[in-house]
Amino acid sequence: MARPGVIGDGKKQVIASNIDQLVIITSTIKPRFKPGLVDRFLVSAEYENLKSVIIINKIDLVPPDNYESYALTWSSLGYDVAFTSAKTKVGLDDFMKFLKDRTSALAGHSGVGKSSLLNAIQPSLDLHTREVSQSTDKGVHATTTVRMYPLDFGGWVIDTPGLKLFGLSGIDKENLWRYFPEMRDYQRHCRFNDCVHINEPGCAVKKAVETKKISEFRYINYKRIWENL
């Protein structure tokens, strides 16, 4: 799991290596739900050939029904999705099942509850947590370094600092579509072999979005990532 170096020298900043899966944690609110960041992490995991798990945390604050359409879309693409609450203990069995006997890296914005979830399933970790800023509704860094912990029920977990931005390393505008699984089957039906599914005529991917065979929110996130590469 890596991102471009923060000083713009063309080097990678490796966050974790030799892992089995990436566990992407987002929250309903405080900080607000950001499917675009989830999709950026999914693209990185696809590029690195990592299994992905998506955890939508803090469902004690907002009902999970509000996020069901996102969860169903991600599940249909083969990603495991669970709703959790570190406060009320809902969904912790699923969270533990995903982590058991695997080496997992947790990723997400500051304040989404990564450390709180780990404390909830293994209190002996006693990880430091902090409240979301009331003035900005953004997370405040509690985890400041990458740390790896053994789990009592089997497996290892890497708790990473919250990431406000996550650049994509090794991915460019020409190959981005390869890391959106739902686009792969449509690429060969595009009029142009080098179609990147933005403005080209005869694009099968854009047609699939129009006919709701590809999720609109996923395509919007694709375009945003493409524009920022």
C-alpha atoms as a PDB file:
ATOM      1  CA  MET A   1       0.000   0.000   0.000  1.00  0.00           C
ATOM      2  CA  ALA A   2       1.692   3.185  -1.188  1.00  0.00           C
ATOM      3  CA  ARG A   3       1.035   6.728  -2.294  1.00  0.00           C
ATOM      4  CA  PRO A   4       3.162   9.308  -4.112  1.00  0.00           C
ATOM      5  CA  GLY A   5       5.786  10.951  -1.908  1.00  0.00           C
ATOM      6  CA  VAL A   6       4.578  14.124  -0.213  1.00  0.00           C
ATOM      7  CA  ILE A   7       7.458  16.280  -1.484  1.00  0.00           C
ATOM      8  CA  GLY A   8       6.767  15.598  -5.168  1.00  0.00           C
ATOM      9  CA  ASP A   9      10.087  13.979  -6.016  1.00  0.00           C
ATOM     10  CA  GLY A  10       8.535  11.079  -7.930  1.00  0.00           C
ATOM     11  CA  LYS A  11       9.221   8.549  -5.195  1.00  0.00           C
ATOM     12  CA  LYS A  12       6.656   6.358  -3.441  1.00  0.00           C
ATOM     13  CA  GLN A  13       5.745   6.616   0.203  1.00  0.00           C
ATOM     14  CA  VAL A  14       5.149   3.029   1.294  1.00  0.00           C
ATOM     15  CA  ILE A  15       2.574   2.853   4.071  1.00  0.00           C
ATOM     16  CA  ALA A  16       2.454  -0.931   4.518  1.00  0.00           C
ATOM     17  CA  SER A  17       3.745  -4.004   2.718  1.00  0.00           C
ATOM     18  CA  ASN A  18       3.299  -7.787   2.723  1.00  0.00           C
ATOM     19  CA  ILE A  19      -0.364  -7.486   3.687  1.00  0.00           C
ATOM     20  CA  ASP A  20      -3.276  -9.725   2.743  1.00  0.00           C
ATOM     21  CA  GLN A  21      -5.983  -7.104   2.573  1.00  0.00           C
ATOM     22  CA  LEU A  22      -6.872  -3.458   2.858  1.00  0.00           C
ATOM     23  CA  VAL A  23      -9.675  -2.650   5.301  1.00  0.00           C
ATOM     24  CA  ILE A  24     -11.164   0.705   4.298  1.00  0.00           C
ATOM     25  CA  ILE A  25     -13.017   2.436   7.109  1.00  0.00           C
ATOM     26  CA  THR A  26     -15.382   5.328   6.550  1.00  0.00           C
ATOM     27  CA  SER A  27     -17.960   6.915   8.837  1.00  0.00           C
ATOM     28  CA  THR A  28     -21.559   7.998   8.387  1.00  0.00           C
ATOM     29  CA  ILE A  29     -20.877  11.456   9.832  1.00  0.00           C
ATOM     30  CA  LYS A  30     -18.248  13.109  12.041  1.00  0.00           C
ATOM     31  CA  PRO A  31     -16.423  13.115   9.644  1.00  0.00           C
ATOM     32  CA  ARG A  32     -18.933  12.860   6.844  1.00  0.00           C
ATOM     33  CA  PHE A  33     -19.274   9.845   4.576  1.00  0.00           C
ATOM     34  CA  LYS A  34     -16.917  10.067   1.598  1.00  0.00           C
ATOM     35  CA  PRO A  35     -17.495   7.358  -1.033  1.00  0.00           C
ATOM     36  CA  GLY A  36     -14.989   9.085  -3.297  1.00  0.00           C
ATOM     37  CA  LEU A  37     -12.151   8.372  -0.878  1.00  0.00           C
ATOM     38  CA  VAL A  38     -13.344   4.779  -0.496  1.00  0.00           C
ATOM     39  CA  ASP A  39     -13.137   4.360  -4.274  1.00  0.00           C
ATOM     40  CA  ARG A  40      -9.622   5.838  -4.325  1.00  0.00           C
ATOM     41  CA  PHE A  41      -8.536   3.213  -1.794  1.00  0.00           C
ATOM     42  CA  LEU A  42     -10.277   0.506  -3.824  1.00  0.00           C
ATOM     43  CA  VAL A  43      -8.373   1.574  -6.942  1.00  0.00           C
ATOM     44  CA  SER A  44      -5.079   1.370  -5.044  1.00  0.00           C
ATOM     45  CA  ALA A  45      -5.980  -2.082  -3.715  1.00  0.00           C
ATOM     46  CA  GLU A  46      -6.921  -3.293  -7.205  1.00  0.00           C
ATOM     47  CA  TYR A  47      -3.584  -2.017  -8.529  1.00  0.00           C
ATOM     48  CA  GLU A  48      -1.714  -3.882  -5.778  1.00  0.00           C
ATOM     49  CA  ASN A  49      -3.906  -6.992  -6.196  1.00  0.00           C
ATOM     50  CA  LEU A  50      -5.122  -6.755  -2.599  1.00  0.00           C
ATOM     51  CA  LYS A  51      -8.411  -8.013  -1.224  1.00  0.00           C
ATOM     52  CA  SER A  52     -10.575  -5.113  -0.024  1.00  0.00           C
ATOM     53  CA  VAL A  53     -13.021  -4.822   2.862  1.00  0.00           C
ATOM     54  CA  ILE A  54     -15.217  -1.755   3.439  1.00  0.00           C
ATOM     55  CA  ILE A  55     -16.417  -0.824   6.924  1.00  0.00           C
ATOM     56  CA  ILE A  56     -19.083   1.877   7.290  1.00  0.00           C
ATOM     57  CA  ASN A  57     -18.727   2.932  10.918  1.00  0.00           C
ATOM     58  CA  LYS A  58     -20.766   5.073  13.340  1.00  0.00           C
ATOM     59  CA  ILE A  59     -24.162   3.704  12.365  1.00  0.00           C
ATOM     60  CA  ASP A  60     -25.311   4.661  15.859  1.00  0.00           C
ATOM     61  CA  LEU A  61     -25.391   8.241  14.524  1.00  0.00           C
ATOM     62  CA  VAL A  62     -27.159   7.681  11.172  1.00  0.00           C
ATOM     63  CA  PRO A  63     -29.266   4.633  10.132  1.00  0.00           C
ATOM     64  CA  PRO A  64     -27.461   2.256   7.761  1.00  0.00           C
ATOM     65  CA  ASP A  65     -30.386   2.458   5.307  1.00  0.00           C
ATOM     66  CA  ASN A  66     -28.995   5.822   4.185  1.00  0.00           C
ATOM     67  CA  TYR A  67     -25.904   4.057   2.822  1.00  0.00           C
ATOM     68  CA  GLU A  68     -27.445   0.798   1.616  1.00  0.00           C
ATOM     69  CA  SER A  69     -27.208   1.698  -2.093  1.00  0.00           C
ATOM     70  CA  TYR A  70     -23.458   2.294  -1.779  1.00  0.00           C
ATOM     71  CA  ALA A  71     -22.992  -0.949   0.144  1.00  0.00           C
ATOM     72  CA  LEU A  72     -24.962  -2.934  -2.429  1.00  0.00           C
ATOM     73  CA  THR A  73     -22.919  -1.490  -5.296  1.00  0.00           C
ATOM     74  CA  TRP A  74     -19.600  -2.329  -3.648  1.00  0.00           C
ATOM     75  CA  SER A  75     -20.852  -5.792  -2.656  1.00  0.00           C
ATOM     76  CA  SER A  76     -21.938  -6.491  -6.244  1.00  0.00           C
ATOM     77  CA  LEU A  77     -18.335  -5.875  -7.312  1.00  0.00           C
ATOM     78  CA  GLY A  78     -17.054  -8.523  -4.914  1.00  0.00           C
ATOM     79  CA  TYR A  79     -16.001  -6.331  -1.983  1.00  0.00           C
ATOM     80  CA  ASP A  80     -16.962  -7.315   1.553  1.00  0.00           C
ATOM     81  CA  VAL A  81     -18.973  -4.580   3.292  1.00  0.00           C
ATOM     82  CA  ALA A  82     -20.104  -4.279   6.907  1.00  0.00           C
ATOM     83  CA  PHE A  83     -21.873  -1.656   9.026  1.00  0.00           C
ATOM     84  CA  THR A  84     -20.396  -1.120  12.478  1.00  0.00           C
ATOM     85  CA  SER A  85     -20.545   0.981  15.596  1.00  0.00           C
ATOM     86  CA  ALA A  86     -17.662   0.957  18.048  1.00  0.00           C
ATOM     87  CA  LYS A  87     -19.991   2.615  20.565  1.00  0.00           C
ATOM     88  CA  THR A  88     -22.938   0.184  20.446  1.00  0.00           C
ATOM     89  CA  LYS A  89     -20.869  -2.878  19.361  1.00  0.00           C
ATOM     90  CA  VAL A  90     -23.029  -3.471  16.283  1.00  0.00           C
ATOM     91  CA  GLY A  91     -21.212  -5.306  13.478  1.00  0.00           C
ATOM     92  CA  LEU A  92     -18.105  -6.120  15.508  1.00  0.00           C
ATOM     93  CA  ASP A  93     -18.480  -9.846  14.818  1.00  0.00           C
ATOM     94  CA  ASP A  94     -18.259  -9.136  11.088  1.00  0.00           C
ATOM     95  CA  PHE A  95     -15.251  -6.874  11.638  1.00  0.00           C
ATOM     96  CA  MET A  96     -13.456  -9.605  13.593  1.00  0.00           C
ATOM     97  CA  LYS A  97     -14.352 -12.225  10.985  1.00  0.00           C
ATOM     98  CA  PHE A  98     -12.744 -10.132   8.254  1.00  0.00           C
ATOM     99  CA  LEU A  99      -9.548  -9.661  10.305  1.00  0.00           C
ATOM    100  CA  LYS A 100      -9.153 -13.194  11.656  1.00  0.00           C
ATOM    101  CA  ASP A 101      -5.988 -14.999  10.524  1.00  0.00           C
ATOM    102  CA  ARG A 102      -5.077 -12.291   8.026  1.00  0.00           C
ATOM    103  CA  THR A 103      -2.565  -9.461   7.915  1.00  0.00           C
ATOM    104  CA  SER A 104      -4.689  -6.363   7.391  1.00  0.00           C
ATOM    105  CA  ALA A 105      -3.977  -2.663   6.974  1.00  0.00           C
ATOM    106  CA  LEU A 106      -6.656  -0.211   8.095  1.00  0.00           C
ATOM    107  CA  ALA A 107      -7.086   2.964   6.053  1.00  0.00           C
ATOM    108  CA  GLY A 108      -9.395   5.952   6.197  1.00  0.00           C
ATOM    109  CA  HIS A 109      -9.816   9.591   7.169  1.00  0.00           C
ATOM    110  CA  SER A 110      -8.824  10.807  10.622  1.00  0.00           C
ATOM    111  CA  GLY A 111     -11.721  10.397  13.026  1.00  0.00           C
ATOM    112  CA  VAL A 112     -13.620   7.606  11.251  1.00  0.00           C
ATOM    113  CA  GLY A 113     -12.982   5.273  14.193  1.00  0.00           C
ATOM    114  CA  LYS A 114     -10.139   2.948  13.198  1.00  0.00           C
ATOM    115  CA  SER A 115      -8.553   2.907  16.649  1.00  0.00           C
ATOM    116  CA  SER A 116     -11.933   2.859  18.393  1.00  0.00           C
ATOM    117  CA  LEU A 117     -12.975  -0.243  16.450  1.00  0.00           C
ATOM    118  CA  LEU A 118      -9.727  -1.997  17.349  1.00  0.00           C
ATOM    119  CA  ASN A 119     -10.192  -1.102  21.024  1.00  0.00           C
ATOM    120  CA  ALA A 120     -13.749  -2.439  20.851  1.00  0.00           C
ATOM    121  CA  ILE A 121     -12.674  -5.879  19.603  1.00  0.00           C
ATOM    122  CA  GLN A 122      -9.496  -6.065  21.700  1.00  0.00           C
ATOM    123  CA  PRO A 123      -9.534  -3.673  24.695  1.00  0.00           C
ATOM    124  CA  SER A 124      -6.011  -4.686  25.733  1.00  0.00           C
ATOM    125  CA  LEU A 125      -4.671  -2.660  22.781  1.00  0.00           C
ATOM    126  CA  ASP A 126      -5.756   0.523  24.600  1.00  0.00           C
ATOM    127  CA  LEU A 127      -5.144   2.690  21.533  1.00  0.00           C
ATOM    128  CA  HIS A 128      -5.356   6.463  21.901  1.00  0.00           C
ATOM    129  CA  THR A 129      -8.456   8.066  20.388  1.00  0.00           C
ATOM    130  CA  ARG A 130      -9.596  11.666  19.950  1.00  0.00           C
ATOM    131  CA  GLU A 131     -12.923  13.363  19.310  1.00  0.00           C
ATOM    132  CA  VAL A 132     -13.754  14.903  15.936  1.00  0.00           C
ATOM    133  CA  SER A 133     -13.201  18.667  15.871  1.00  0.00           C
ATOM    134  CA  GLN A 134     -16.479  20.482  16.565  1.00  0.00           C
ATOM    135  CA  SER A 135     -15.413  23.504  14.505  1.00  0.00           C
ATOM    136  CA  THR A 136     -14.426  21.693  11.310  1.00  0.00           C
ATOM    137  CA  ASP A 137     -16.287  18.340  11.647  1.00  0.00           C
ATOM    138  CA  LYS A 138     -12.993  16.718  10.664  1.00  0.00           C
ATOM    139  CA  GLY A 139     -10.981  14.089  12.438  1.00  0.00           C
ATOM    140  CA  VAL A 140      -8.023  14.978  14.604  1.00  0.00           C
ATOM    141  CA  HIS A 141      -5.005  12.683  14.343  1.00  0.00           C
ATOM    142  CA  ALA A 142      -4.900  10.171  17.191  1.00  0.00           C
ATOM    143  CA  THR A 143      -2.670   7.643  15.406  1.00  0.00           C
ATOM    144  CA  THR A 144       0.491   9.400  14.206  1.00  0.00           C
ATOM    145  CA  THR A 145       2.670   6.461  13.171  1.00  0.00           C
ATOM    146  CA  VAL A 146       2.108   3.154  11.404  1.00  0.00           C
ATOM    147  CA  ARG A 147       1.887   0.400  14.028  1.00  0.00           C
ATOM    148  CA  MET A 148       1.314  -3.336  13.693  1.00  0.00           C
ATOM    149  CA  TYR A 149      -0.528  -5.291  16.392  1.00  0.00           C
ATOM    150  CA  PRO A 150      -1.157  -9.025  16.951  1.00  0.00           C
ATOM    151  CA  LEU A 151      -4.796  -9.999  17.404  1.00  0.00           C
ATOM    152  CA  ASP A 152      -5.741 -12.381  20.194  1.00  0.00           C
ATOM    153  CA  PHE A 153      -8.168 -14.251  17.933  1.00  0.00           C
ATOM    154  CA  GLY A 154      -5.582 -14.672  15.153  1.00  0.00           C
ATOM    155  CA  GLY A 155      -4.014 -12.351  12.618  1.00  0.00           C
ATOM    156  CA  TRP A 156      -2.230  -9.031  12.556  1.00  0.00           C
ATOM    157  CA  VAL A 157      -3.552  -5.553  11.983  1.00  0.00           C
ATOM    158  CA  ILE A 158      -1.743  -2.394  10.895  1.00  0.00           C
ATOM    159  CA  ASP A 159      -3.256   0.835  12.204  1.00  0.00           C
ATOM    160  CA  THR A 160      -2.300   3.743   9.958  1.00  0.00           C
ATOM    161  CA  PRO A 161      -2.572   7.502  10.542  1.00  0.00           C
ATOM    162  CA  GLY A 162      -5.706   9.095   9.135  1.00  0.00           C
ATOM    163  CA  LEU A 163      -5.197  10.263   5.561  1.00  0.00           C
ATOM    164  CA  LYS A 164      -6.795  13.536   4.468  1.00  0.00           C
ATOM    165  CA  LEU A 165      -5.523  12.961   0.920  1.00  0.00           C
ATOM    166  CA  PHE A 166      -4.563   9.762  -0.823  1.00  0.00           C
ATOM    167  CA  GLY A 167      -2.695  10.028  -4.114  1.00  0.00           C
ATOM    168  CA  LEU A 168      -2.449   7.044  -6.422  1.00  0.00           C
ATOM    169  CA  SER A 169       0.973   5.640  -7.181  1.00  0.00           C
ATOM    170  CA  GLY A 170       1.600   3.785 -10.465  1.00  0.00           C
ATOM    171  CA  ILE A 171      -1.756   4.715 -11.996  1.00  0.00           C
ATOM    172  CA  ASP A 172      -2.269   7.129 -14.878  1.00  0.00           C
ATOM    173  CA  LYS A 173      -5.141   8.432 -16.997  1.00  0.00           C
ATOM    174  CA  GLU A 174      -4.671   5.723 -19.625  1.00  0.00           C
ATOM    175  CA  ASN A 175      -4.893   2.741 -17.260  1.00  0.00           C
ATOM    176  CA  LEU A 176      -7.223   3.979 -14.490  1.00  0.00           C
ATOM    177  CA  TRP A 177     -10.228   2.128 -15.942  1.00  0.00           C
ATOM    178  CA  ARG A 178      -8.469  -1.190 -15.406  1.00  0.00           C
ATOM    179  CA  TYR A 179      -8.889  -0.764 -11.644  1.00  0.00           C
ATOM    180  CA  PHE A 180     -12.654  -0.312 -11.831  1.00  0.00           C
ATOM    181  CA  PRO A 181     -13.767  -3.961 -12.220  1.00  0.00           C
ATOM    182  CA  GLU A 182     -17.165  -3.086 -13.683  1.00  0.00           C
ATOM    183  CA  MET A 183     -15.507  -1.289 -16.623  1.00  0.00           C
ATOM    184  CA  ARG A 184     -13.321  -4.148 -17.815  1.00  0.00           C
ATOM    185  CA  ASP A 185     -16.037  -6.110 -19.637  1.00  0.00           C
ATOM    186  CA  TYR A 186     -17.265  -2.995 -21.449  1.00  0.00           C
ATOM    187  CA  GLN A 187     -13.874  -1.711 -22.619  1.00  0.00           C
ATOM    188  CA  ARG A 188     -13.698  -4.135 -25.566  1.00  0.00           C
ATOM    189  CA  HIS A 189     -17.044  -2.842 -26.864  1.00  0.00           C
ATOM    190  CA  CYS A 190     -15.882   0.780 -27.062  1.00  0.00           C
ATOM    191  CA  ARG A 191     -15.400   2.225 -30.561  1.00  0.00           C
ATOM    192  CA  PHE A 192     -11.766   3.082 -29.837  1.00  0.00           C
ATOM    193  CA  ASN A 193      -9.287   0.632 -28.337  1.00  0.00           C
ATOM    194  CA  ASP A 194      -7.647   3.390 -26.295  1.00  0.00           C
ATOM    195  CA  CYS A 195     -10.926   4.768 -24.949  1.00  0.00           C
ATOM    196  CA  VAL A 196     -10.598   6.191 -21.419  1.00  0.00           C
ATOM    197  CA  HIS A 197     -14.379   6.670 -21.037  1.00  0.00           C
ATOM    198  CA  ILE A 198     -14.479  10.429 -20.626  1.00  0.00           C
ATOM    199  CA  ASN A 199     -15.348  12.288 -23.850  1.00  0.00           C
ATOM    200  CA  GLU A 200     -14.941   9.668 -26.587  1.00  0.00           C
ATOM    201  CA  PRO A 201     -17.852   8.832 -28.924  1.00  0.00           C
ATOM    202  CA  GLY A 202     -19.053   5.238 -28.997  1.00  0.00           C
ATOM    203  CA  CYS A 203     -18.012   4.606 -25.398  1.00  0.00           C
ATOM    204  CA  ALA A 204     -19.591   1.416 -24.038  1.00  0.00           C
ATOM    205  CA  VAL A 205     -18.797   2.377 -20.453  1.00  0.00           C
ATOM    206  CA  LYS A 206     -20.713   5.665 -20.658  1.00  0.00           C
ATOM    207  CA  LYS A 207     -23.600   3.777 -22.286  1.00  0.00           C
ATOM    208  CA  ALA A 208     -23.575   1.310 -19.385  1.00  0.00           C
ATOM    209  CA  VAL A 209     -23.797   4.213 -16.938  1.00  0.00           C
ATOM    210  CA  GLU A 210     -26.775   5.646 -18.839  1.00  0.00           C
ATOM    211  CA  THR A 211     -28.557   2.269 -18.704  1.00  0.00           C
ATOM    212  CA  LYS A 212     -27.663   1.858 -14.993  1.00  0.00           C
ATOM    213  CA  LYS A 213     -25.510  -1.205 -15.592  1.00  0.00           C
ATOM    214  CA  ILE A 214     -22.646   0.744 -14.017  1.00  0.00           C
ATOM    215  CA  SER A 215     -23.280   2.775 -10.872  1.00  0.00           C
ATOM    216  CA  GLU A 216     -23.479   6.521 -11.469  1.00  0.00           C
ATOM    217  CA  PHE A 217     -21.655   7.386  -8.243  1.00  0.00           C
ATOM    218  CA  ARG A 218     -18.809   5.056  -9.177  1.00  0.00           C
ATOM    219  CA  TYR A 219     -18.513   6.672 -12.610  1.00  0.00           C
ATOM    220  CA  ILE A 220     -18.563  10.166 -11.077  1.00  0.00           C
ATOM    221  CA  ASN A 221     -15.744   9.123  -8.755  1.00  0.00           C
ATOM    222  CA  TYR A 222     -13.876   7.635 -11.721  1.00  0.00           C
ATOM    223  CA  LYS A 223     -14.042  10.963 -13.561  1.00  0.00           C
ATOM    224  CA  ARG A 224     -12.893  12.888 -10.505  1.00  0.00           C
ATOM    225  CA  ILE A 225      -9.923  10.590  -9.994  1.00  0.00           C
ATOM    226  CA  TRP A 226      -9.098  10.757 -13.741  1.00  0.00           C
ATOM    227  CA  GLU A 227      -9.150  14.557 -13.685  1.00  0.00           C
ATOM    228  CA  ASN A 228      -6.792  14.647 -10.701  1.00  0.00           C
ATOM    229  CA  LEU A 229      -4.202  12.254 -12.128  1.00  0.00           C
END
